[in-house]
Amino acid sequence: MKMLINDPELTRRLIRQRRVRGLDRKDEVWEGVYVMAPSPNTEHEEFIGKITTVLTVSITFSALGKVLPGVGVSDRDEGWTKNYRVPDNSVFLKGTTAINKGTHWLGGPDFAVEVISPGDRSRKKFKFYARVGVKELLLVDRKPWALELYQLQDGVLTLAGKSDLVDPAVLSSQVVPLSFQLVAGEPRPTLLMTHSDGIQRWSA
């Protein structure tokens, strides 16, 4: 069920309550409209934690850039709180065109990750991500299970490859030194991440 609230005082009170309870860390604002994201479940948090660890080892510890889970990304400097998104994970490589404004990043990460939760709007963020210059986006869908790798081409995030249980293809990033593959497992499929050195390998 979706709810539209036109009462300004009720809106402010609800937002304040979410902030006090720490429920707003994934909330976003889309062109002035406050979007309350569904709270991530344990599986979602586990995925992001492991992906963050792998990216940190591959990017941060290799001095290739910064790995920032849950950081705000906007297309504007002034008034950025009127339009921003919060990817589950963001990688800003050295030499990135995005600018760290302290409160947020002006411009998109070079590599972003979104793990889909029931009722979220991850796929509807694609146009925004393309506009701010996200070069690559890894989408983790859990119903049905699939990995989708999108790459920026002519201003559009275009599907470069898909890995699912029917076709567990290996998706090689052109931005970070990693490839991604969905493989069968119990009690759920496993995300296999392999470093381009061919030696380091991790699963989530």
Protein backbone atom coordinates (compact mmCIF):
# COMPACT_ATOMS: atom_id res chain seq x y z
CA MET A 1 0.00 0.00 0.00
CA LYS A 2 1.21 3.51 -0.84
CA MET A 3 0.23 6.64 1.07
CA LEU A 4 0.25 10.27 -0.03
CA ILE A 5 0.42 12.76 2.86
CA ASN A 6 -0.54 16.36 2.07
CA ASP A 7 -0.47 17.59 5.66
CA PRO A 8 2.83 19.53 6.11
CA GLU A 9 2.88 19.23 9.90
CA LEU A 10 2.21 15.50 9.82
CA THR A 11 4.93 15.12 7.18
CA ARG A 12 7.47 17.00 9.33
CA ARG A 13 6.51 14.99 12.41
CA LEU A 14 6.84 11.68 10.59
CA ILE A 15 10.25 12.61 9.18
CA ARG A 16 11.44 13.72 12.63
CA GLN A 17 10.29 10.42 14.13
CA ARG A 18 12.16 8.44 11.50
CA ARG A 19 15.33 10.44 12.16
CA VAL A 20 15.10 9.94 15.92
CA ARG A 21 14.62 6.19 15.44
CA GLY A 22 17.37 5.92 12.85
CA LEU A 23 14.96 4.72 10.18
CA ASP A 24 15.77 7.46 7.66
CA ARG A 25 19.27 6.46 6.55
CA LYS A 26 17.97 5.09 3.25
CA ASP A 27 15.31 7.76 2.72
CA GLU A 28 15.70 9.98 -0.35
CA VAL A 29 14.21 13.10 -1.91
CA TRP A 30 13.15 12.96 -5.56
CA GLU A 31 12.65 16.43 -7.00
CA GLY A 32 11.27 17.71 -3.70
CA VAL A 33 9.25 14.57 -2.87
CA TYR A 34 10.38 12.76 0.28
CA VAL A 35 10.66 9.02 -0.44
CA MET A 36 10.69 6.67 2.54
CA ALA A 37 12.62 3.54 1.67
CA PRO A 38 11.58 0.18 3.11
CA SER A 39 13.78 -0.88 6.01
CA PRO A 40 16.42 -3.37 4.83
CA ASN A 41 16.08 -6.87 6.26
CA THR A 42 18.92 -8.97 7.65
CA GLU A 43 19.67 -10.60 4.29
CA HIS A 44 19.93 -7.18 2.63
CA GLU A 45 22.30 -5.92 5.33
CA GLU A 46 24.42 -9.07 5.08
CA PHE A 47 24.78 -8.65 1.33
CA ILE A 48 25.79 -5.00 1.61
CA GLY A 49 28.22 -5.73 4.44
CA LYS A 50 30.06 -8.39 2.45
CA ILE A 51 30.04 -6.39 -0.80
CA THR A 52 31.42 -3.40 1.10
CA THR A 53 34.21 -5.54 2.52
CA VAL A 54 35.19 -6.86 -0.91
CA LEU A 55 35.11 -3.39 -2.46
CA THR A 56 37.14 -2.01 0.44
CA VAL A 57 39.84 -4.65 -0.03
CA SER A 58 39.87 -4.22 -3.82
CA ILE A 59 39.58 -0.43 -3.99
CA THR A 60 40.40 1.32 -0.70
CA PHE A 61 43.27 -0.94 0.42
CA SER A 62 44.69 -0.83 -3.11
CA ALA A 63 44.60 2.99 -3.06
CA LEU A 64 42.30 3.11 -6.08
CA GLY A 65 39.62 5.30 -4.49
CA LYS A 66 36.91 5.46 -1.82
CA VAL A 67 34.15 3.00 -0.93
CA LEU A 68 31.15 4.62 0.77
CA PRO A 69 28.00 2.67 1.67
CA GLY A 70 24.83 4.74 2.09
CA VAL A 71 26.17 8.12 0.98
CA GLY A 72 23.92 10.80 -0.54
CA VAL A 73 24.39 11.57 -4.25
CA SER A 74 22.89 14.69 -5.82
CA ASP A 75 22.83 16.57 -9.10
CA ARG A 76 23.11 19.94 -7.39
CA ASP A 77 25.35 21.82 -4.97
CA GLU A 78 22.96 24.36 -3.48
CA GLY A 79 19.68 22.90 -2.31
CA TRP A 80 20.93 19.36 -2.72
CA THR A 81 18.51 18.06 -0.07
CA LYS A 82 15.70 18.66 -2.56
CA ASN A 83 17.02 15.97 -4.92
CA TYR A 84 19.30 13.11 -3.94
CA ARG A 85 19.54 9.33 -3.96
CA VAL A 86 21.33 6.92 -1.62
CA PRO A 87 22.88 3.89 -3.37
CA ASP A 88 23.51 0.88 -1.15
CA ASN A 89 27.18 1.23 -2.06
CA SER A 90 29.22 3.82 -3.95
CA VAL A 91 32.77 3.68 -5.30
CA PHE A 92 34.53 6.91 -6.18
CA LEU A 93 37.78 6.21 -7.98
CA LYS A 94 40.79 8.48 -7.99
CA GLY A 95 40.22 11.11 -10.67
CA THR A 96 36.44 10.82 -10.40
CA THR A 97 34.47 13.75 -11.79
CA ALA A 98 32.17 13.67 -8.75
CA ILE A 99 32.91 16.21 -6.01
CA ASN A 100 32.88 15.46 -2.29
CA LYS A 101 30.87 18.30 -0.71
CA GLY A 102 31.16 16.91 2.81
CA THR A 103 27.40 16.57 3.23
CA HIS A 104 26.93 14.71 -0.06
CA TRP A 105 28.58 13.99 -3.40
CA LEU A 106 27.87 16.25 -6.34
CA GLY A 107 27.81 13.82 -9.24
CA GLY A 108 27.50 10.08 -9.28
CA PRO A 109 29.89 7.35 -8.15
CA ASP A 110 31.95 5.53 -10.75
CA PHE A 111 30.46 2.24 -9.54
CA ALA A 112 27.24 1.79 -7.56
CA VAL A 113 25.39 -1.15 -6.02
CA GLU A 114 21.67 -1.46 -5.37
CA VAL A 115 20.15 -4.47 -3.58
CA ILE A 116 16.42 -4.60 -4.26
CA SER A 117 14.04 -4.86 -1.30
CA PRO A 118 10.28 -5.48 -1.60
CA GLY A 119 8.53 -2.21 -2.41
CA ASP A 120 11.66 -0.19 -3.17
CA ARG A 121 12.20 1.84 -6.35
CA SER A 122 15.76 0.92 -7.33
CA ARG A 123 14.95 0.52 -11.02
CA LYS A 124 13.30 3.93 -11.13
CA LYS A 125 16.61 5.55 -10.13
CA PHE A 126 18.33 4.63 -13.40
CA LYS A 127 17.64 7.92 -15.21
CA PHE A 128 18.92 9.91 -12.24
CA TYR A 129 22.03 7.74 -11.93
CA ALA A 130 22.74 8.15 -15.64
CA ARG A 131 22.28 11.91 -15.40
CA VAL A 132 24.79 12.24 -12.55
CA GLY A 133 27.32 10.08 -14.39
CA VAL A 134 27.25 6.67 -12.69
CA LYS A 135 29.49 4.64 -14.99
CA GLU A 136 28.44 1.21 -13.79
CA LEU A 137 25.63 -0.15 -11.62
CA LEU A 138 25.35 -3.62 -10.12
CA LEU A 139 21.75 -4.52 -9.32
CA VAL A 140 21.09 -7.46 -6.99
CA ASP A 141 17.52 -8.72 -7.38
CA ARG A 142 16.22 -11.29 -4.91
CA LYS A 143 12.81 -12.09 -6.40
CA PRO A 144 13.64 -13.89 -8.59
CA TRP A 145 17.35 -14.08 -7.86
CA ALA A 146 19.51 -12.35 -10.46
CA LEU A 147 22.48 -10.04 -10.88
CA GLU A 148 22.30 -7.31 -13.51
CA LEU A 149 25.26 -5.17 -14.56
CA TYR A 150 24.47 -1.85 -16.23
CA GLN A 151 27.00 0.38 -17.99
CA LEU A 152 26.66 4.00 -19.06
CA GLN A 153 26.43 4.24 -22.84
CA ASP A 154 25.47 7.46 -24.64
CA GLY A 155 23.96 8.86 -21.46
CA VAL A 156 21.86 5.77 -20.67
CA LEU A 157 22.51 2.96 -18.19
CA THR A 158 22.29 -0.06 -20.47
CA LEU A 159 22.14 -3.72 -19.45
CA ALA A 160 25.58 -5.22 -20.13
CA GLY A 161 24.90 -8.66 -18.69
CA LYS A 162 22.73 -10.77 -16.42
CA SER A 163 23.62 -13.69 -14.16
CA ASP A 164 20.86 -15.90 -12.75
CA LEU A 165 20.30 -19.53 -11.79
CA VAL A 166 19.34 -20.49 -15.34
CA ASP A 167 22.40 -18.80 -16.86
CA PRO A 168 25.04 -18.09 -14.18
CA ALA A 169 27.08 -15.87 -16.48
CA VAL A 170 30.18 -14.08 -15.21
CA LEU A 171 29.73 -10.30 -15.28
CA SER A 172 33.06 -8.48 -15.61
CA SER A 173 33.19 -4.88 -14.49
CA GLN A 174 34.96 -2.31 -16.63
CA VAL A 175 35.25 0.06 -13.67
CA VAL A 176 36.35 -1.97 -10.64
CA PRO A 177 38.78 -4.95 -10.73
CA LEU A 178 36.04 -7.49 -10.04
CA SER A 179 33.67 -9.89 -11.75
CA PHE A 180 30.33 -11.04 -10.35
CA GLN A 181 28.42 -14.29 -10.69
CA LEU A 182 25.28 -15.75 -9.14
CA VAL A 183 25.67 -19.43 -8.25
CA ALA A 184 23.24 -21.92 -6.73
CA GLY A 185 23.42 -22.47 -2.98
CA GLU A 186 21.44 -23.21 0.16
CA PRO A 187 19.44 -21.69 1.77
CA ARG A 188 19.83 -19.03 -0.94
CA PRO A 189 21.98 -18.40 -4.02
CA THR A 190 25.49 -17.02 -3.53
CA LEU A 191 27.07 -13.94 -5.04
CA LEU A 192 30.58 -14.90 -6.13
CA MET A 193 33.06 -12.01 -6.50
CA THR A 194 36.43 -12.62 -8.18
CA HIS A 195 39.33 -10.17 -8.36
CA SER A 196 40.87 -9.52 -11.75
CA ASP A 197 44.14 -10.97 -10.41
CA GLY A 198 42.46 -14.38 -10.70
CA ILE A 199 43.53 -15.31 -7.16
CA GLN A 200 41.30 -13.51 -4.70
CA ARG A 201 37.73 -14.73 -4.50
CA TRP A 202 34.90 -14.01 -2.08
CA SER A 203 31.26 -15.04 -1.68
CA ALA A 204 28.25 -13.27 -0.18
